[in-house]
């Protein structure tokens, strides 16, 4: 008996500017990132829910500004002068430093090194006042940063994200599937990512193309065909 083998290849993330879909939900943040030369105090805090596009915008900015990108979790023990030497730095998931003394101190020093002569971009899920920072000097500096917000996704953005997620997995789907999914799925980028991964895995296991039937049981609907 021949068995169908499913190869769950990891998706290839594309963070190029041409892969970013502008919509009313992210238009303000996109404009702010593009105007980085005029950031007050040479710093900006980009806030939005998980999967909203913060990493994509951070990579776009890094390409434009020649910036280094570092995860907040990697700040303790990092070569801070070396990072600052890039002239511009993006710190992803900056809210993760809260409650970690070594990380808070590292972000404080990196902030001071970068804003003296360059630009600093911080990404987080919430405004700095909600992080629970323990280091007063860091708290005051981060809370002084201007904030660019990514709003919850609208239909246009969810549609574009689904198309991109399928494309990242090198998966071709019928165009009519996208609005059908948008009308029935949970309205978040994380939900889109999970749905595409689940549909791709199911289609691979079944050895069939992705259709509405593939989504059966993955959505709160019986309206599959």
Protein backbone atom coordinates (compact mmCIF):
# COMPACT_ATOMS: atom_id res chain seq x y z
CA UNK A 1 0.00 0.00 0.00
CA UNK A 2 1.31 3.42 -0.90
CA UNK A 3 1.14 5.96 1.87
CA UNK A 4 0.79 9.68 1.23
CA UNK A 5 3.66 11.51 2.90
CA UNK A 6 3.04 15.04 4.20
CA UNK A 7 6.02 17.35 4.22
CA UNK A 8 5.17 20.33 6.42
CA UNK A 9 7.68 22.79 5.05
CA UNK A 10 8.24 25.91 7.15
CA UNK A 11 6.75 29.04 5.59
CA UNK A 12 9.15 31.54 4.09
CA UNK A 13 8.44 34.90 5.70
CA UNK A 14 8.74 37.88 3.36
CA UNK A 15 9.27 41.26 5.02
CA UNK A 16 9.88 43.35 1.92
CA UNK A 17 8.07 46.65 1.46
CA UNK A 18 6.22 45.29 -1.56
CA UNK A 19 4.83 42.48 0.62
CA UNK A 20 3.26 44.92 3.08
CA UNK A 21 -0.40 45.66 2.42
CA UNK A 22 -1.46 49.16 3.44
CA UNK A 23 -4.99 49.56 4.79
CA UNK A 24 -6.81 51.97 7.10
CA UNK A 25 -5.85 49.69 9.98
CA UNK A 26 -2.14 50.33 9.55
CA UNK A 27 -1.93 53.51 7.45
CA UNK A 28 -0.96 55.75 10.39
CA UNK A 29 1.78 53.42 11.62
CA UNK A 30 3.12 53.04 8.08
CA UNK A 31 3.31 56.81 7.65
CA UNK A 32 5.06 57.24 11.01
CA UNK A 33 7.65 54.60 10.16
CA UNK A 34 8.28 56.27 6.81
CA UNK A 35 8.85 59.62 8.53
CA UNK A 36 11.48 58.32 10.96
CA UNK A 37 13.86 61.22 10.31
CA UNK A 38 11.40 63.46 12.18
CA UNK A 39 10.72 61.27 15.24
CA UNK A 40 10.60 63.40 18.41
CA UNK A 41 13.58 62.54 20.56
CA UNK A 42 14.81 60.16 17.82
CA UNK A 43 12.62 57.32 19.10
CA UNK A 44 9.26 55.69 18.43
CA UNK A 45 7.14 53.01 20.09
CA UNK A 46 5.16 50.83 17.67
CA UNK A 47 2.20 49.22 19.46
CA UNK A 48 -0.18 46.55 18.24
CA UNK A 49 -1.53 43.07 18.95
CA UNK A 50 0.50 39.95 18.19
CA UNK A 51 0.82 39.36 14.47
CA UNK A 52 -0.46 42.81 13.52
CA UNK A 53 2.58 43.65 11.39
CA UNK A 54 5.04 45.09 13.89
CA UNK A 55 7.87 42.82 12.80
CA UNK A 56 7.20 43.55 9.13
CA UNK A 57 7.28 47.30 9.74
CA UNK A 58 10.41 46.96 11.89
CA UNK A 59 12.21 45.15 9.06
CA UNK A 60 11.04 47.73 6.54
CA UNK A 61 12.36 50.50 8.78
CA UNK A 62 15.63 48.67 9.38
CA UNK A 63 16.15 48.37 5.63
CA UNK A 64 15.49 52.07 5.15
CA UNK A 65 17.49 53.29 8.15
CA UNK A 66 20.29 50.74 8.02
CA UNK A 67 19.28 49.64 11.50
CA UNK A 68 20.20 46.62 13.56
CA UNK A 69 17.33 44.48 14.87
CA UNK A 70 17.45 42.76 18.26
CA UNK A 71 14.90 40.92 20.36
CA UNK A 72 14.41 42.31 23.86
CA UNK A 73 15.04 38.82 25.23
CA UNK A 74 18.59 38.96 23.80
CA UNK A 75 19.54 42.31 25.35
CA UNK A 76 21.15 40.97 28.55
CA UNK A 77 24.76 40.22 27.65
CA UNK A 78 24.46 41.78 24.20
CA UNK A 79 27.16 44.02 22.73
CA UNK A 80 25.28 47.26 23.30
CA UNK A 81 27.96 49.62 21.88
CA UNK A 82 28.17 47.35 18.84
CA UNK A 83 24.41 47.53 18.33
CA UNK A 84 24.40 51.28 18.79
CA UNK A 85 27.22 51.54 16.27
CA UNK A 86 24.73 50.78 13.53
CA UNK A 87 23.34 54.26 14.13
CA UNK A 88 19.78 52.96 14.38
CA UNK A 89 18.30 50.02 16.33
CA UNK A 90 14.94 48.25 16.43
CA UNK A 91 14.13 46.37 19.64
CA UNK A 92 11.33 43.86 19.10
CA UNK A 93 8.96 42.85 21.91
CA UNK A 94 10.42 45.56 24.10
CA UNK A 95 7.72 45.00 26.71
CA UNK A 96 9.37 41.65 27.50
CA UNK A 97 12.09 43.46 29.48
CA UNK A 98 9.62 44.34 32.26
CA UNK A 99 10.43 42.52 35.47
CA UNK A 100 13.81 41.30 34.21
CA UNK A 101 16.39 43.56 35.89
CA UNK A 102 19.25 42.75 33.52
CA UNK A 103 17.04 43.36 30.49
CA UNK A 104 15.68 46.65 31.84
CA UNK A 105 19.19 47.92 32.54
CA UNK A 106 20.38 46.83 29.09
CA UNK A 107 17.50 48.60 27.34
CA UNK A 108 18.15 51.72 29.41
CA UNK A 109 21.80 51.82 28.33
CA UNK A 110 20.99 50.98 24.71
CA UNK A 111 18.38 53.75 24.64
CA UNK A 112 20.92 56.29 25.85
CA UNK A 113 23.59 55.14 23.40
CA UNK A 114 21.29 55.18 20.37
CA UNK A 115 19.26 58.35 20.76
CA UNK A 116 22.40 60.45 21.21
CA UNK A 117 23.26 60.02 17.53
CA UNK A 118 20.70 57.77 15.87
CA UNK A 119 17.14 56.47 16.02
CA UNK A 120 15.46 53.85 18.20
CA UNK A 121 12.34 51.85 17.32
CA UNK A 122 10.64 49.78 20.01
CA UNK A 123 7.82 47.34 19.29
CA UNK A 124 5.37 46.10 21.92
CA UNK A 125 1.83 44.88 22.38
CA UNK A 126 0.84 47.66 24.76
CA UNK A 127 1.87 51.23 25.65
CA UNK A 128 4.89 51.53 27.94
CA UNK A 129 2.80 52.60 30.93
CA UNK A 130 1.30 49.10 30.99
CA UNK A 131 4.57 47.16 30.89
CA UNK A 132 5.25 47.21 34.62
CA UNK A 133 8.80 48.55 34.36
CA UNK A 134 10.71 48.62 37.64
CA UNK A 135 13.62 50.84 36.60
CA UNK A 136 12.44 54.45 36.99
CA UNK A 137 14.95 55.93 34.54
CA UNK A 138 13.95 53.47 31.82
CA UNK A 139 10.26 53.95 32.56
CA UNK A 140 10.47 57.72 32.13
CA UNK A 141 12.44 57.50 28.89
CA UNK A 142 10.26 54.88 27.24
CA UNK A 143 7.02 56.54 28.28
CA UNK A 144 8.32 59.76 26.70
CA UNK A 145 8.48 58.09 23.27
CA UNK A 146 5.79 58.91 20.74
CA UNK A 147 3.44 56.02 19.93
CA UNK A 148 2.34 54.65 16.55
CA UNK A 149 -0.56 52.21 16.79
CA UNK A 150 -1.61 49.32 14.59
CA UNK A 151 -5.39 48.96 14.74
CA UNK A 152 -7.27 45.63 14.59
CA UNK A 153 -7.36 44.33 11.01
CA UNK A 154 -10.18 45.24 8.63
CA UNK A 155 -11.48 42.97 5.85
CA UNK A 156 -8.97 44.27 3.32
CA UNK A 157 -6.02 43.68 5.61
CA UNK A 158 -7.18 40.20 6.67
CA UNK A 159 -7.62 39.28 3.02
CA UNK A 160 -4.13 40.47 2.14
CA UNK A 161 -2.63 38.65 5.13
CA UNK A 162 -4.29 35.38 4.15
CA UNK A 163 -2.99 35.72 0.60
CA UNK A 164 0.52 36.42 1.92
CA UNK A 165 0.44 33.52 4.39
CA UNK A 166 -0.58 31.08 1.68
CA UNK A 167 2.09 32.53 -0.62
CA UNK A 168 4.75 32.20 2.11
CA UNK A 169 3.90 28.49 2.17
CA UNK A 170 4.06 28.35 -1.64
CA UNK A 171 0.41 27.30 -1.64
CA UNK A 172 -2.01 28.34 -4.39
CA UNK A 173 -5.70 28.70 -3.48
CA UNK A 174 -8.77 29.78 -5.41
CA UNK A 175 -9.40 33.56 -5.06
CA UNK A 176 -12.98 32.98 -3.85
CA UNK A 177 -11.65 31.15 -0.79
CA UNK A 178 -10.16 34.32 0.73
CA UNK A 179 -13.38 36.38 1.26
CA UNK A 180 -15.14 33.18 2.36
CA UNK A 181 -12.57 32.68 5.11
CA UNK A 182 -12.55 36.37 6.12
CA UNK A 183 -16.33 36.29 6.66
CA UNK A 184 -16.08 33.32 9.03
CA UNK A 185 -12.73 33.45 10.86
CA UNK A 186 -11.72 35.12 14.11
CA UNK A 187 -10.69 38.67 13.29
CA UNK A 188 -7.02 38.70 14.19
CA UNK A 189 -3.72 38.22 12.40
CA UNK A 190 -2.75 35.45 14.81
CA UNK A 191 -5.98 33.62 13.97
CA UNK A 192 -5.19 33.97 10.25
CA UNK A 193 -1.74 32.50 10.80
CA UNK A 194 -3.11 29.57 12.80
CA UNK A 195 -5.90 28.92 10.28
CA UNK A 196 -3.58 28.87 7.28
CA UNK A 197 -1.14 26.55 9.07
CA UNK A 198 -3.95 24.17 10.05
CA UNK A 199 -5.46 24.15 6.56
CA UNK A 200 -2.07 23.59 4.95
CA UNK A 201 -1.29 20.69 7.30
CA UNK A 202 -4.69 19.09 6.66
CA UNK A 203 -4.36 19.43 2.90
CA UNK A 204 -0.88 17.94 2.97
CA UNK A 205 -2.04 15.00 5.08
CA UNK A 206 -4.99 14.37 2.75
CA UNK A 207 -2.97 14.90 -0.40
CA UNK A 208 -5.60 17.31 -1.68
CA UNK A 209 -5.64 21.01 -2.64
CA UNK A 210 -6.90 23.56 -0.14
CA UNK A 211 -10.62 24.29 -0.54
CA UNK A 212 -13.54 25.34 1.64
CA UNK A 213 -13.89 21.70 2.67
CA UNK A 214 -10.37 21.86 4.12
CA UNK A 215 -11.61 24.46 6.59
CA UNK A 216 -14.42 22.22 7.86
CA UNK A 217 -14.08 21.84 11.62
CA UNK A 218 -11.48 24.62 11.79
CA UNK A 219 -14.06 27.42 11.71
CA UNK A 220 -17.25 28.02 13.69
CA UNK A 221 -19.37 27.18 10.67
CA UNK A 222 -20.75 24.18 8.83
CA UNK A 223 -21.00 26.17 5.60
CA UNK A 224 -18.26 24.30 3.69
CA UNK A 225 -18.58 22.77 0.28
